[in-house]
């Protein structure tokens, strides 16, 4: 699962904390989280025994990877909506 945080870090952190709680209740395993350095996220990883990997922030290469992942997810969503003929209803 990919979270791309823009300007609202606090909102992203709270959203991630909620997902961690949900995953624990469903007994799903989270092994690592990748982010640019964020001290609060480091605390979350330590509390839950996640491996915290760091990416290079604000470089063209990382931006391209994030944009590519986002476009792939959007295309997958459109494909699923089209498969069940929901694209015209919701569209």
N, C-alpha and C. Protein backbone atom coordinates (compact mmCIF):
# COMPACT_ATOMS: atom_id res chain seq x y z
N UNK A 1 0.85 -1.16 0.00
CA UNK A 1 0.00 0.00 0.00
C UNK A 1 0.90 1.23 0.00
N UNK A 2 0.53 2.21 -0.76
CA UNK A 2 1.35 3.40 -0.91
C UNK A 2 0.59 4.63 -0.42
N UNK A 3 1.23 5.39 0.46
CA UNK A 3 0.71 6.68 0.91
C UNK A 3 1.65 7.73 0.37
N UNK A 4 1.12 8.69 -0.35
CA UNK A 4 1.95 9.79 -0.82
C UNK A 4 1.49 11.04 -0.09
N UNK A 5 2.37 11.54 0.74
CA UNK A 5 2.03 12.70 1.57
C UNK A 5 2.47 13.97 0.88
N UNK A 6 1.59 14.94 0.84
CA UNK A 6 1.95 16.23 0.26
C UNK A 6 2.23 17.21 1.38
N UNK A 7 1.30 18.07 1.66
CA UNK A 7 1.55 19.12 2.65
C UNK A 7 1.02 18.76 4.03
N UNK A 8 0.10 17.84 4.12
CA UNK A 8 -0.55 17.57 5.40
C UNK A 8 0.03 16.31 6.04
N UNK A 9 1.21 16.43 6.63
CA UNK A 9 1.86 15.29 7.27
C UNK A 9 1.05 14.74 8.43
N UNK A 10 0.45 15.62 9.22
CA UNK A 10 -0.31 15.16 10.38
C UNK A 10 -1.46 14.28 9.94
N UNK A 11 -2.14 14.66 8.88
CA UNK A 11 -3.25 13.85 8.38
C UNK A 11 -2.78 12.50 7.89
N UNK A 12 -1.64 12.47 7.23
CA UNK A 12 -1.10 11.22 6.72
C UNK A 12 -0.67 10.31 7.86
N UNK A 13 -0.05 10.88 8.89
CA UNK A 13 0.39 10.09 10.03
C UNK A 13 -0.81 9.47 10.75
N UNK A 14 -1.86 10.25 10.96
CA UNK A 14 -3.06 9.72 11.63
C UNK A 14 -3.71 8.63 10.78
N UNK A 15 -3.76 8.84 9.47
CA UNK A 15 -4.31 7.83 8.57
C UNK A 15 -3.51 6.54 8.64
N UNK A 16 -2.19 6.68 8.65
CA UNK A 16 -1.32 5.50 8.74
C UNK A 16 -1.50 4.79 10.09
N UNK A 17 -1.64 5.54 11.17
CA UNK A 17 -1.86 4.94 12.49
C UNK A 17 -3.17 4.15 12.50
N UNK A 18 -4.22 4.69 11.86
CA UNK A 18 -5.49 3.97 11.78
C UNK A 18 -5.36 2.69 10.99
N UNK A 19 -4.61 2.72 9.88
CA UNK A 19 -4.40 1.51 9.10
C UNK A 19 -3.63 0.46 9.89
N UNK A 20 -2.64 0.90 10.66
CA UNK A 20 -1.87 -0.04 11.49
C UNK A 20 -2.79 -0.74 12.48
N UNK A 21 -3.69 0.02 13.12
CA UNK A 21 -4.64 -0.58 14.07
C UNK A 21 -5.55 -1.58 13.37
N UNK A 22 -6.06 -1.20 12.19
CA UNK A 22 -6.94 -2.11 11.43
C UNK A 22 -6.21 -3.37 11.02
N UNK A 23 -4.97 -3.22 10.55
CA UNK A 23 -4.20 -4.39 10.12
C UNK A 23 -3.92 -5.32 11.29
N UNK A 24 -3.64 -4.74 12.46
CA UNK A 24 -3.39 -5.58 13.64
C UNK A 24 -4.65 -6.35 14.03
N UNK A 25 -5.81 -5.70 13.96
CA UNK A 25 -7.06 -6.38 14.32
C UNK A 25 -7.34 -7.52 13.34
N UNK A 26 -6.95 -7.36 12.09
CA UNK A 26 -7.18 -8.40 11.08
C UNK A 26 -6.02 -9.37 10.99
N UNK A 27 -5.02 -9.17 11.86
CA UNK A 27 -3.84 -10.03 11.93
C UNK A 27 -3.05 -10.05 10.63
N UNK A 28 -2.98 -8.90 9.99
CA UNK A 28 -2.16 -8.74 8.79
C UNK A 28 -0.78 -8.25 9.21
N UNK A 29 0.22 -8.60 8.43
CA UNK A 29 1.60 -8.28 8.76
C UNK A 29 2.08 -7.07 7.96
N UNK A 30 2.63 -6.10 8.65
CA UNK A 30 3.32 -4.98 8.02
C UNK A 30 4.78 -5.14 8.40
N UNK A 31 5.65 -5.26 7.40
CA UNK A 31 7.05 -5.50 7.72
C UNK A 31 7.92 -4.25 7.62
N UNK A 32 7.58 -3.33 6.70
CA UNK A 32 8.41 -2.15 6.56
C UNK A 32 7.60 -0.97 6.03
N UNK A 33 8.10 0.21 6.33
CA UNK A 33 7.53 1.45 5.85
C UNK A 33 8.66 2.27 5.26
N UNK A 34 8.44 2.80 4.06
CA UNK A 34 9.46 3.62 3.40
C UNK A 34 8.98 5.07 3.35
N UNK A 35 9.84 5.98 3.75
CA UNK A 35 9.47 7.40 3.74
C UNK A 35 10.72 8.25 3.69
N UNK A 36 10.54 9.55 3.40
CA UNK A 36 11.63 10.48 3.66
C UNK A 36 11.65 10.63 5.17
N UNK A 37 12.71 11.11 5.73
CA UNK A 37 12.85 11.08 7.18
C UNK A 37 11.76 11.88 7.88
N UNK A 38 11.13 11.23 8.84
CA UNK A 38 10.10 11.88 9.66
C UNK A 38 10.20 11.28 11.06
N UNK A 39 10.50 12.10 12.05
CA UNK A 39 10.70 11.61 13.41
C UNK A 39 9.48 10.93 14.00
N UNK A 40 8.29 11.47 13.72
CA UNK A 40 7.07 10.86 14.25
C UNK A 40 6.82 9.49 13.64
N UNK A 41 7.14 9.35 12.37
CA UNK A 41 6.99 8.06 11.72
C UNK A 41 7.99 7.06 12.27
N UNK A 42 9.16 7.55 12.63
CA UNK A 42 10.17 6.69 13.24
C UNK A 42 9.64 6.11 14.56
N UNK A 43 8.96 6.93 15.35
CA UNK A 43 8.37 6.46 16.61
C UNK A 43 7.31 5.39 16.35
N UNK A 44 6.48 5.59 15.33
CA UNK A 44 5.46 4.61 14.98
C UNK A 44 6.10 3.27 14.61
N UNK A 45 7.19 3.34 13.86
CA UNK A 45 7.88 2.11 13.45
C UNK A 45 8.49 1.39 14.65
N UNK A 46 9.09 2.14 15.56
CA UNK A 46 9.69 1.53 16.75
C UNK A 46 8.64 0.88 17.63
N UNK A 47 7.50 1.54 17.80
CA UNK A 47 6.44 1.01 18.65
C UNK A 47 5.87 -0.30 18.10
N UNK A 48 5.86 -0.45 16.78
CA UNK A 48 5.22 -1.61 16.16
C UNK A 48 6.19 -2.58 15.50
N UNK A 49 7.49 -2.39 15.73
CA UNK A 49 8.53 -3.28 15.20
C UNK A 49 8.51 -3.36 13.67
N UNK A 50 8.35 -2.21 13.01
CA UNK A 50 8.46 -2.16 11.56
C UNK A 50 9.87 -1.75 11.20
N UNK A 51 10.30 -2.17 10.03
CA UNK A 51 11.57 -1.68 9.50
C UNK A 51 11.28 -0.36 8.80
N UNK A 52 12.01 0.69 9.15
CA UNK A 52 11.79 2.00 8.54
C UNK A 52 12.89 2.24 7.52
N UNK A 53 12.50 2.25 6.24
CA UNK A 53 13.44 2.52 5.15
C UNK A 53 13.26 3.96 4.70
N UNK A 54 14.34 4.56 4.26
CA UNK A 54 14.30 5.96 3.86
C UNK A 54 14.46 6.10 2.36
N UNK A 55 13.72 7.03 1.80
CA UNK A 55 13.86 7.36 0.38
C UNK A 55 14.45 8.76 0.28
N UNK A 56 14.95 9.07 -0.88
CA UNK A 56 15.49 10.39 -1.11
C UNK A 56 14.32 11.32 -1.41
N UNK A 57 14.15 12.33 -0.60
CA UNK A 57 12.98 13.19 -0.77
C UNK A 57 13.21 14.26 -1.82
N UNK A 58 12.15 14.55 -2.55
CA UNK A 58 12.09 15.66 -3.50
C UNK A 58 13.15 15.58 -4.59
N UNK A 59 13.43 14.40 -5.08
CA UNK A 59 14.30 14.26 -6.23
C UNK A 59 13.43 13.89 -7.42
N UNK A 60 13.82 14.25 -8.62
CA UNK A 60 13.00 13.91 -9.79
C UNK A 60 12.75 12.41 -9.94
N UNK A 61 13.75 11.59 -9.58
CA UNK A 61 13.58 10.15 -9.69
C UNK A 61 12.48 9.64 -8.76
N UNK A 62 12.48 10.11 -7.52
CA UNK A 62 11.46 9.67 -6.57
C UNK A 62 10.08 10.20 -6.96
N UNK A 63 10.01 11.42 -7.48
CA UNK A 63 8.73 11.97 -7.92
C UNK A 63 8.16 11.16 -9.07
N UNK A 64 9.01 10.74 -9.99
CA UNK A 64 8.55 9.93 -11.13
C UNK A 64 8.01 8.60 -10.66
N UNK A 65 8.70 7.97 -9.71
CA UNK A 65 8.23 6.68 -9.18
C UNK A 65 6.87 6.84 -8.52
N UNK A 66 6.71 7.88 -7.70
CA UNK A 66 5.43 8.12 -7.04
C UNK A 66 4.32 8.40 -8.03
N UNK A 67 4.61 9.20 -9.04
CA UNK A 67 3.60 9.51 -10.05
C UNK A 67 3.23 8.26 -10.86
N UNK A 68 4.21 7.43 -11.16
CA UNK A 68 3.93 6.19 -11.91
C UNK A 68 3.05 5.25 -11.09
N UNK A 69 3.37 5.10 -9.81
CA UNK A 69 2.54 4.24 -8.95
C UNK A 69 1.12 4.77 -8.86
N UNK A 70 0.99 6.08 -8.73
CA UNK A 70 -0.33 6.69 -8.63
C UNK A 70 -1.12 6.47 -9.91
N UNK A 71 -0.50 6.63 -11.07
CA UNK A 71 -1.22 6.44 -12.33
C UNK A 71 -1.60 4.98 -12.53
N UNK A 72 -0.75 4.05 -12.09
CA UNK A 72 -1.08 2.63 -12.19
C UNK A 72 -2.28 2.31 -11.31
N UNK A 73 -2.32 2.84 -10.09
CA UNK A 73 -3.45 2.62 -9.20
C UNK A 73 -4.74 3.20 -9.77
N UNK A 74 -4.65 4.39 -10.36
CA UNK A 74 -5.84 5.00 -10.97
C UNK A 74 -6.34 4.16 -12.14
N UNK A 75 -5.43 3.67 -12.96
CA UNK A 75 -5.82 2.86 -14.11
C UNK A 75 -6.44 1.53 -13.65
N UNK A 76 -5.90 0.95 -12.59
CA UNK A 76 -6.48 -0.28 -12.05
C UNK A 76 -7.90 -0.03 -11.55
N UNK A 77 -8.10 1.09 -10.88
CA UNK A 77 -9.44 1.45 -10.39
C UNK A 77 -10.42 1.64 -11.53
N UNK A 78 -9.98 2.33 -12.59
CA UNK A 78 -10.86 2.52 -13.75
C UNK A 78 -11.20 1.19 -14.41
N UNK A 79 -10.22 0.30 -14.48
CA UNK A 79 -10.44 -1.02 -15.09
C UNK A 79 -11.47 -1.81 -14.30
N UNK A 80 -11.36 -1.78 -12.97
CA UNK A 80 -12.32 -2.51 -12.14
C UNK A 80 -13.72 -1.91 -12.26
N UNK A 81 -13.81 -0.58 -12.29
CA UNK A 81 -15.11 0.07 -12.46
C UNK A 81 -15.71 -0.28 -13.82
N UNK A 82 -14.89 -0.30 -14.84
CA UNK A 82 -15.36 -0.63 -16.18
C UNK A 82 -15.82 -2.09 -16.25
N UNK A 83 -15.11 -2.98 -15.57
CA UNK A 83 -15.46 -4.41 -15.58
C UNK A 83 -16.87 -4.64 -15.05
N UNK A 84 -17.25 -3.89 -14.05
CA UNK A 84 -18.56 -4.05 -13.43
C UNK A 84 -19.56 -2.99 -13.89
N UNK A 85 -19.23 -2.32 -14.99
CA UNK A 85 -20.10 -1.30 -15.61
C UNK A 85 -20.49 -0.20 -14.63
N UNK A 86 -19.60 0.15 -13.74
CA UNK A 86 -19.88 1.23 -12.79
C UNK A 86 -19.30 2.56 -13.23
N UNK A 87 -18.44 2.53 -14.24
CA UNK A 87 -17.78 3.75 -14.68
C UNK A 87 -18.80 4.76 -15.20
N UNK A 88 -19.81 4.30 -15.94
CA UNK A 88 -20.82 5.20 -16.48
C UNK A 88 -21.75 5.71 -15.38
N UNK A 89 -22.02 4.88 -14.39
CA UNK A 89 -22.92 5.27 -13.30
C UNK A 89 -22.26 6.31 -12.40
N UNK A 90 -21.00 6.08 -12.02
CA UNK A 90 -20.31 6.97 -11.10
C UNK A 90 -19.65 8.14 -11.80
N UNK A 91 -19.34 7.95 -13.07
CA UNK A 91 -18.53 8.83 -13.82
C UNK A 91 -18.79 10.20 -14.01
